[in-house]
C-alpha atoms as a PDB file:
ATOM      1  CA  MET A   1     -18.377  20.678  -4.115  1.00  0.00           C
ATOM      2  CA  ALA A   2     -22.294  20.554  -3.868  1.00  0.00           C
ATOM      3  CA  ASN A   3     -24.936  22.554  -1.631  1.00  0.00           C
ATOM      4  CA  LEU A   4     -26.549  20.195   0.634  1.00  0.00           C
ATOM      5  CA  PRO A   5     -30.817  19.986   0.325  1.00  0.00           C
ATOM      6  CA  LYS A   6     -32.656  19.654   3.149  1.00  0.00           C
ATOM      7  CA  THR A   7     -32.651  15.706   2.907  1.00  0.00           C
ATOM      8  CA  TYR A   8     -30.008  13.795   3.858  1.00  0.00           C
ATOM      9  CA  THR A   9     -28.024  12.804   0.963  1.00  0.00           C
ATOM     10  CA  PHE A  10     -24.674  13.645  -0.176  1.00  0.00           C
ATOM     11  CA  PRO A  11     -22.778  13.798  -3.504  1.00  0.00           C
ATOM     12  CA  PRO A  12     -20.364  10.813  -4.336  1.00  0.00           C
ATOM     13  CA  LEU A  13     -16.987  11.017  -2.389  1.00  0.00           C
ATOM     14  CA  GLU A  14     -15.040  11.111  -5.502  1.00  0.00           C
ATOM     15  CA  ALA A  15     -16.650  14.375  -6.298  1.00  0.00           C
ATOM     16  CA  ALA A  16     -14.917  15.800  -3.475  1.00  0.00           C
ATOM     17  CA  SER A  17     -11.830  18.357  -3.992  1.00  0.00           C
ATOM     18  CA  PRO A  18      -8.348  17.344  -4.298  1.00  0.00           C
ATOM     19  CA  GLU A  19      -8.215  18.946  -0.268  1.00  0.00           C
ATOM     20  CA  GLY A  20     -11.277  16.767   0.483  1.00  0.00           C
ATOM     21  CA  LEU A  21     -14.157  19.198   0.858  1.00  0.00           C
ATOM     22  CA  LEU A  22     -17.439  17.548  -0.546  1.00  0.00           C
ATOM     23  CA  ALA A  23     -20.541  20.003   0.106  1.00  0.00           C
ATOM     24  CA  VAL A  24     -21.343  22.796   2.044  1.00  0.00           C
ATOM     25  CA  GLY A  25     -24.594  23.770   3.929  1.00  0.00           C
ATOM     26  CA  GLY A  26     -27.480  21.714   5.670  1.00  0.00           C
ATOM     27  CA  ASP A  27     -27.494  21.429   9.180  1.00  0.00           C
ATOM     28  CA  LEU A  28     -26.203  19.061  12.155  1.00  0.00           C
ATOM     29  CA  ASN A  29     -29.439  17.547  12.835  1.00  0.00           C
ATOM     30  CA  PRO A  30     -28.493  14.222  14.133  1.00  0.00           C
ATOM     31  CA  ASP A  31     -29.854  11.836  11.400  1.00  0.00           C
ATOM     32  CA  ARG A  32     -28.148  13.932   9.013  1.00  0.00           C
ATOM     33  CA  LEU A  33     -24.659  13.369  11.373  1.00  0.00           C
ATOM     34  CA  LEU A  34     -25.112   9.611  11.531  1.00  0.00           C
ATOM     35  CA  SER A  35     -25.601   9.060   7.479  1.00  0.00           C
ATOM     36  CA  ALA A  36     -22.603  11.552   6.933  1.00  0.00           C
ATOM     37  CA  TYR A  37     -20.782   9.574   8.910  1.00  0.00           C
ATOM     38  CA  ARG A  38     -22.165   6.331   7.726  1.00  0.00           C
ATOM     39  CA  GLN A  39     -20.784   7.345   3.865  1.00  0.00           C
ATOM     40  CA  GLY A  40     -17.478   8.415   5.038  1.00  0.00           C
ATOM     41  CA  ILE A  41     -18.051  12.134   5.172  1.00  0.00           C
ATOM     42  CA  PHE A  42     -17.778  14.006   8.199  1.00  0.00           C
ATOM     43  CA  PRO A  43     -18.023  18.090   9.096  1.00  0.00           C
ATOM     44  CA  TRP A  44     -15.235  20.370   9.691  1.00  0.00           C
ATOM     45  CA  TYR A  45     -15.479  24.286   9.703  1.00  0.00           C
ATOM     46  CA  SER A  46     -15.268  27.466  11.658  1.00  0.00           C
ATOM     47  CA  ASP A  47     -17.848  29.527  13.380  1.00  0.00           C
ATOM     48  CA  ASP A  48     -17.364  32.272  10.806  1.00  0.00           C
ATOM     49  CA  GLN A  49     -17.842  29.450   8.007  1.00  0.00           C
ATOM     50  CA  PRO A  50     -20.964  27.264   6.248  1.00  0.00           C
ATOM     51  CA  ILE A  51     -21.182  24.040   7.684  1.00  0.00           C
ATOM     52  CA  LEU A  52     -18.428  22.234   5.395  1.00  0.00           C
ATOM     53  CA  TRP A  53     -18.526  18.515   4.688  1.00  0.00           C
ATOM     54  CA  TRP A  54     -15.419  16.786   3.902  1.00  0.00           C
ATOM     55  CA  SER A  55     -14.143  13.345   2.829  1.00  0.00           C
ATOM     56  CA  PRO A  56     -10.164  13.235   2.191  1.00  0.00           C
ATOM     57  CA  ASP A  57      -7.952  11.164   0.349  1.00  0.00           C
ATOM     58  CA  PRO A  58      -6.219   9.416   1.836  1.00  0.00           C
ATOM     59  CA  ARG A  59      -7.884   8.968   5.033  1.00  0.00           C
ATOM     60  CA  ALA A  60      -6.015   8.147   8.202  1.00  0.00           C
ATOM     61  CA  VAL A  61      -7.169   4.821   9.804  1.00  0.00           C
ATOM     62  CA  LEU A  62      -5.995   3.185  12.874  1.00  0.00           C
ATOM     63  CA  TYR A  63      -6.720  -0.665  13.338  1.00  0.00           C
ATOM     64  CA  PRO A  64      -7.114  -1.265  16.982  1.00  0.00           C
ATOM     65  CA  SER A  65      -4.628  -4.004  16.751  1.00  0.00           C
ATOM     66  CA  LYS A  66      -1.958  -2.215  15.256  1.00  0.00           C
ATOM     67  CA  LEU A  67      -2.061   0.684  17.569  1.00  0.00           C
ATOM     68  CA  HIS A  68       1.773   1.927  18.460  1.00  0.00           C
ATOM     69  CA  ILE A  69       2.589   1.970  22.186  1.00  0.00           C
ATOM     70  CA  SER A  70       6.157   3.698  22.619  1.00  0.00           C
ATOM     71  CA  LYS A  71       8.279   2.999  25.584  1.00  0.00           C
ATOM     72  CA  SER A  72       7.788   5.685  27.238  1.00  0.00           C
ATOM     73  CA  LEU A  73       4.243   5.604  26.984  1.00  0.00           C
ATOM     74  CA  ARG A  74       4.448   1.975  28.353  1.00  0.00           C
ATOM     75  CA  LYS A  75       6.126   3.621  31.135  1.00  0.00           C
ATOM     76  CA  SER A  76       3.267   6.315  31.997  1.00  0.00           C
ATOM     77  CA  LEU A  77       0.892   3.374  31.396  1.00  0.00           C
ATOM     78  CA  ARG A  78       2.448   1.481  34.441  1.00  0.00           C
ATOM     79  CA  THR A  79       3.758   4.087  36.683  1.00  0.00           C
ATOM     80  CA  ARG A  80       1.705   7.510  36.480  1.00  0.00           C
ATOM     81  CA  GLY A  81      -0.833   6.450  38.438  1.00  0.00           C
ATOM     82  CA  PHE A  82      -3.951   7.029  35.643  1.00  0.00           C
ATOM     83  CA  GLU A  83      -7.690   5.696  35.631  1.00  0.00           C
ATOM     84  CA  VAL A  84      -9.020   5.495  32.288  1.00  0.00           C
ATOM     85  CA  SER A  85     -13.116   5.322  31.635  1.00  0.00           C
ATOM     86  CA  ALA A  86     -15.352   5.348  29.172  1.00  0.00           C
ATOM     87  CA  ASP A  87     -18.734   7.763  29.120  1.00  0.00           C
ATOM     88  CA  ARG A  88     -18.124   9.234  32.359  1.00  0.00           C
ATOM     89  CA  ALA A  89     -17.684  13.092  31.543  1.00  0.00           C
ATOM     90  CA  PHE A  90     -18.793  13.216  27.753  1.00  0.00           C
ATOM     91  CA  ALA A  91     -19.713  17.024  27.841  1.00  0.00           C
ATOM     92  CA  LEU A  92     -16.428  17.775  29.957  1.00  0.00           C
ATOM     93  CA  VAL A  93     -14.252  16.129  27.379  1.00  0.00           C
ATOM     94  CA  ILE A  94     -15.994  17.920  24.081  1.00  0.00           C
ATOM     95  CA  ALA A  95     -15.588  21.320  26.275  1.00  0.00           C
ATOM     96  CA  ALA A  96     -12.078  20.316  27.099  1.00  0.00           C
ATOM     97  CA  CYS A  97     -11.374  19.618  23.344  1.00  0.00           C
ATOM     98  CA  ALA A  98     -12.691  22.659  22.273  1.00  0.00           C
ATOM     99  CA  GLU A  99     -10.802  24.995  24.827  1.00  0.00           C
ATOM    100  CA  SER A 100      -7.916  23.062  23.676  1.00  0.00           C
ATOM    101  CA  ARG A 101      -8.263  24.018  20.151  1.00  0.00           C
ATOM    102  CA  ASN A 102      -9.097  27.328  20.888  1.00  0.00           C
ATOM    103  CA  ARG A 103      -6.076  28.207  22.416  1.00  0.00           C
ATOM    104  CA  GLY A 104      -4.270  27.376  19.215  1.00  0.00           C
ATOM    105  CA  GLU A 105      -5.372  28.215  15.829  1.00  0.00           C
ATOM    106  CA  GLY A 106      -9.163  28.264  16.864  1.00  0.00           C
ATOM    107  CA  THR A 107     -11.726  25.974  17.230  1.00  0.00           C
ATOM    108  CA  TRP A 108     -13.599  23.927  14.877  1.00  0.00           C
ATOM    109  CA  ILE A 109     -16.032  22.234  17.451  1.00  0.00           C
ATOM    110  CA  THR A 110     -18.326  25.172  17.776  1.00  0.00           C
ATOM    111  CA  SER A 111     -21.231  25.373  20.488  1.00  0.00           C
ATOM    112  CA  GLY A 112     -23.369  23.878  17.634  1.00  0.00           C
ATOM    113  CA  MET A 113     -20.877  21.112  17.504  1.00  0.00           C
ATOM    114  CA  GLN A 114     -20.753  20.585  21.170  1.00  0.00           C
ATOM    115  CA  ASP A 115     -24.631  20.579  21.119  1.00  0.00           C
ATOM    116  CA  ALA A 116     -24.690  18.370  18.444  1.00  0.00           C
ATOM    117  CA  TYR A 117     -22.491  15.804  19.838  1.00  0.00           C
ATOM    118  CA  CYS A 118     -23.899  16.000  23.203  1.00  0.00           C
ATOM    119  CA  ALA A 119     -27.456  14.995  21.804  1.00  0.00           C
ATOM    120  CA  LEU A 120     -25.778  11.898  19.442  1.00  0.00           C
ATOM    121  CA  HIS A 121     -24.357  11.097  23.066  1.00  0.00           C
ATOM    122  CA  ARG A 122     -27.973  11.061  24.523  1.00  0.00           C
ATOM    123  CA  MET A 123     -28.940   8.645  21.552  1.00  0.00           C
ATOM    124  CA  GLY A 124     -26.072   6.382  22.878  1.00  0.00           C
ATOM    125  CA  TYR A 125     -23.640   6.997  19.117  1.00  0.00           C
ATOM    126  CA  ALA A 126     -21.402   9.360  20.593  1.00  0.00           C
ATOM    127  CA  HIS A 127     -18.749   8.369  23.437  1.00  0.00           C
ATOM    128  CA  SER A 128     -15.909   9.875  25.642  1.00  0.00           C
ATOM    129  CA  VAL A 129     -12.958   7.699  26.890  1.00  0.00           C
ATOM    130  CA  GLU A 130     -11.456   9.985  30.016  1.00  0.00           C
ATOM    131  CA  THR A 131      -8.034   9.604  31.395  1.00  0.00           C
ATOM    132  CA  TRP A 132      -8.010  10.916  35.256  1.00  0.00           C
ATOM    133  CA  HIS A 133      -5.280  11.293  37.867  1.00  0.00           C
ATOM    134  CA  ASN A 134      -6.057  11.532  41.637  1.00  0.00           C
ATOM    135  CA  GLY A 135      -9.859  12.166  40.581  1.00  0.00           C
ATOM    136  CA  GLU A 136      -9.096  15.072  38.410  1.00  0.00           C
ATOM    137  CA  LEU A 137      -9.916  14.911  34.791  1.00  0.00           C
ATOM    138  CA  VAL A 138      -6.370  15.585  32.931  1.00  0.00           C
ATOM    139  CA  GLY A 139      -7.369  13.975  29.254  1.00  0.00           C
ATOM    140  CA  GLY A 140      -9.650  12.324  27.101  1.00  0.00           C
ATOM    141  CA  LEU A 141     -11.413  12.272  23.437  1.00  0.00           C
ATOM    142  CA  TYR A 142     -14.240  11.497  21.895  1.00  0.00           C
ATOM    143  CA  GLY A 143     -16.129  10.030  18.723  1.00  0.00           C
ATOM    144  CA  LEU A 144     -19.173   8.089  17.536  1.00  0.00           C
ATOM    145  CA  ALA A 145     -19.727   4.197  17.130  1.00  0.00           C
ATOM    146  CA  ILE A 146     -21.532   3.026  14.353  1.00  0.00           C
ATOM    147  CA  GLY A 147     -22.068  -0.713  13.831  1.00  0.00           C
ATOM    148  CA  LYS A 148     -18.059  -2.008  14.085  1.00  0.00           C
ATOM    149  CA  ALA A 149     -16.517   1.081  13.067  1.00  0.00           C
ATOM    150  CA  PHE A 150     -15.592   4.255  15.682  1.00  0.00           C
ATOM    151  CA  PHE A 151     -15.034   7.454  14.377  1.00  0.00           C
ATOM    152  CA  GLY A 152     -12.984   9.895  16.396  1.00  0.00           C
ATOM    153  CA  GLU A 153     -13.423  13.345  16.178  1.00  0.00           C
ATOM    154  CA  SER A 154     -11.090  14.910  18.696  1.00  0.00           C
ATOM    155  CA  MET A 155      -8.629  14.779  21.985  1.00  0.00           C
ATOM    156  CA  PHE A 156      -6.953  16.985  24.879  1.00  0.00           C
ATOM    157  CA  SER A 157      -4.472  16.212  26.952  1.00  0.00           C
ATOM    158  CA  ARG A 158      -3.421  18.803  30.470  1.00  0.00           C
ATOM    159  CA  VAL A 159      -0.471  16.040  31.529  1.00  0.00           C
ATOM    160  CA  ALA A 160       2.148  14.238  29.582  1.00  0.00           C
ATOM    161  CA  ASP A 161       0.435  11.178  27.796  1.00  0.00           C
ATOM    162  CA  ALA A 162      -2.980  11.439  28.786  1.00  0.00           C
ATOM    163  CA  SER A 163      -4.555  11.720  25.542  1.00  0.00           C
ATOM    164  CA  LYS A 164      -2.447   8.350  24.292  1.00  0.00           C
ATOM    165  CA  THR A 165      -3.963   6.711  27.504  1.00  0.00           C
ATOM    166  CA  ALA A 166      -6.986   7.586  26.476  1.00  0.00           C
ATOM    167  CA  LEU A 167      -6.547   6.239  22.908  1.00  0.00           C
ATOM    168  CA  VAL A 168      -4.872   2.918  24.851  1.00  0.00           C
ATOM    169  CA  GLY A 169      -8.293   2.695  26.302  1.00  0.00           C
ATOM    170  CA  LEU A 170     -10.211   3.259  23.619  1.00  0.00           C
ATOM    171  CA  ALA A 171      -8.454   0.740  21.272  1.00  0.00           C
ATOM    172  CA  THR A 172      -7.811  -1.785  23.776  1.00  0.00           C
ATOM    173  CA  SER A 173     -12.077  -2.147  24.309  1.00  0.00           C
ATOM    174  CA  LEU A 174     -12.708  -1.778  20.242  1.00  0.00           C
ATOM    175  CA  ALA A 175     -10.514  -4.619  19.762  1.00  0.00           C
ATOM    176  CA  ALA A 176     -12.477  -6.864  22.485  1.00  0.00           C
ATOM    177  CA  GLU A 177     -15.691  -6.057  20.691  1.00  0.00           C
ATOM    178  CA  GLY A 178     -14.299  -7.047  17.254  1.00  0.00           C
ATOM    179  CA  TYR A 179     -14.484  -3.179  15.892  1.00  0.00           C
ATOM    180  CA  ARG A 180     -12.951  -2.670  12.790  1.00  0.00           C
ATOM    181  CA  PHE A 181     -11.088   0.232  12.507  1.00  0.00           C
ATOM    182  CA  ILE A 182     -11.223   3.499  14.441  1.00  0.00           C
ATOM    183  CA  ASP A 183     -11.576   6.351  11.638  1.00  0.00           C
ATOM    184  CA  CYS A 184      -9.154   9.228  12.290  1.00  0.00           C
ATOM    185  CA  GLN A 185     -10.170  11.534   9.559  1.00  0.00           C
ATOM    186  CA  VAL A 186      -6.839  13.731   8.224  1.00  0.00           C
ATOM    187  CA  VAL A 187      -3.242  12.135   8.145  1.00  0.00           C
ATOM    188  CA  SER A 188      -1.137  13.424  10.594  1.00  0.00           C
ATOM    189  CA  GLU A 189       2.814  13.006  11.676  1.00  0.00           C
ATOM    190  CA  HIS A 190       1.109  12.468  14.859  1.00  0.00           C
ATOM    191  CA  LEU A 191      -1.357  10.104  14.268  1.00  0.00           C
ATOM    192  CA  THR A 192       1.028   8.051  12.071  1.00  0.00           C
ATOM    193  CA  SER A 193       3.527   7.768  15.223  1.00  0.00           C
ATOM    194  CA  LEU A 194       0.309   6.114  16.796  1.00  0.00           C
ATOM    195  CA  GLY A 195       0.026   3.624  14.311  1.00  0.00           C
ATOM    196  CA  ALA A 196      -2.287   5.170  12.345  1.00  0.00           C
ATOM    197  CA  GLU A 197      -2.082   4.428   8.415  1.00  0.00           C
ATOM    198  CA  ALA A 198      -2.945   6.571   5.215  1.00  0.00           C
ATOM    199  CA  THR A 199      -5.376   4.934   3.418  1.00  0.00           C
ATOM    200  CA  PRO A 200      -6.865   5.427  -0.150  1.00  0.00           C
ATOM    201  CA  ARG A 201     -10.477   6.767  -0.309  1.00  0.00           C
ATOM    202  CA  ASP A 202     -11.769   3.661  -2.516  1.00  0.00           C
ATOM    203  CA  ARG A 203     -10.503   1.400   0.185  1.00  0.00           C
ATOM    204  CA  PHE A 204     -11.529   2.996   2.883  1.00  0.00           C
ATOM    205  CA  ALA A 205     -15.230   3.201   1.733  1.00  0.00           C
ATOM    206  CA  ALA A 206     -15.161  -0.376   1.109  1.00  0.00           C
ATOM    207  CA  GLU A 207     -14.218  -1.454   4.511  1.00  0.00           C
ATOM    208  CA  LEU A 208     -16.501   1.247   5.859  1.00  0.00           C
ATOM    209  CA  HIS A 209     -19.161  -0.469   4.114  1.00  0.00           C
ATOM    210  CA  GLU A 210     -18.460  -3.757   5.610  1.00  0.00           C
ATOM    211  CA  ALA A 211     -18.141  -2.315   9.139  1.00  0.00           C
ATOM    212  CA  VAL A 212     -21.361   0.278   9.253  1.00  0.00           C
ATOM    213  CA  GLY A 213     -23.238  -2.953   7.697  1.00  0.00           C
ATOM    214  CA  PHE A 214     -23.148  -4.412  11.400  1.00  0.00           C
ATOM    215  CA  PRO A 215     -25.802  -3.979  13.557  1.00  0.00           C
ATOM    216  CA  ASP A 216     -25.673  -0.518  15.830  1.00  0.00           C
ATOM    217  CA  LYS A 217     -24.838  -0.891  19.226  1.00  0.00           C
ATOM    218  CA  ALA A 218     -26.574   2.400  20.595  1.00  0.00           C
ATOM    219  CA  ALA A 219     -26.427   2.662  24.245  1.00  0.00           C
ATOM    220  CA  ARG A 220     -23.846   4.194  26.776  1.00  0.00           C
ATOM    221  CA  TRP A 221     -20.445   2.376  27.480  1.00  0.00           C
ATOM    222  CA  HIS A 222     -19.816   1.496  31.093  1.00  0.00           C
ATOM    223  CA  TRP A 223     -15.648   0.793  31.448  1.00  0.00           C
ATOM    224  CA  ALA A 224     -12.982   1.891  33.984  1.00  0.00           C
ATOM    225  CA  MET A 225      -9.911   0.620  35.138  1.00  0.00           C
ATOM    226  CA  PRO A 226      -6.419   1.403  36.017  1.00  0.00           C
ATOM    227  CA  ALA A 227      -4.203   2.136  32.845  1.00  0.00           C
ATOM    228  CA  GLN A 228      -1.710  -0.276  34.124  1.00  0.00           C
ATOM    229  CA  GLU A 229      -4.445  -2.871  33.160  1.00  0.00           C
ATOM    230  CA  LEU A 230      -4.087  -1.760  29.747  1.00  0.00           C
ATOM    231  CA  LEU A 231      -0.691  -3.476  29.375  1.00  0.00           C
END
């Protein structure tokens, strides 16, 4: 594990601990964050910790065309009256994700993290997908788009299936645009149930290198649709 200098270099991924911890320190400057994601590294820490940088092995990766939509989720998409949009309420989504995490085991989406990702949103790299019901924000997710890779950060849900609906909207949009994968970071039973695969670090690094080699489309996303159109 390395202490980071002021430059935007990181240790090689294979230097990470068995848990995936790679480096400590640095800052959340947008250029450092973009450099980290391009190398397969992401920040994850609590308010009482220094900035911790991670590269877990294996990595949770969801290929847009392999998203698993259960029968119950299909029913929700057809009948719940959800609307899905992109980049309509980024600040509200990241704040809701932080609030949702804080009710559980403590949030890693600190105020500094929120400020940093809102800056990346203004730069056209960070994006949100929202789920609405009768004009009320009921779920969503956010992450970064670099090249043809999307790096998922967090999601929240205030009613059943709202965050999953946002994920279906994201995967549908990314597949249409030729994105290679959604990086879901840490493997979990929940992500696996949605179709995410536990991908060895070396394979992930190779796929990442190809995906981020495409030109960035740093711009706000503009789309919205009724959820039933996602089927």
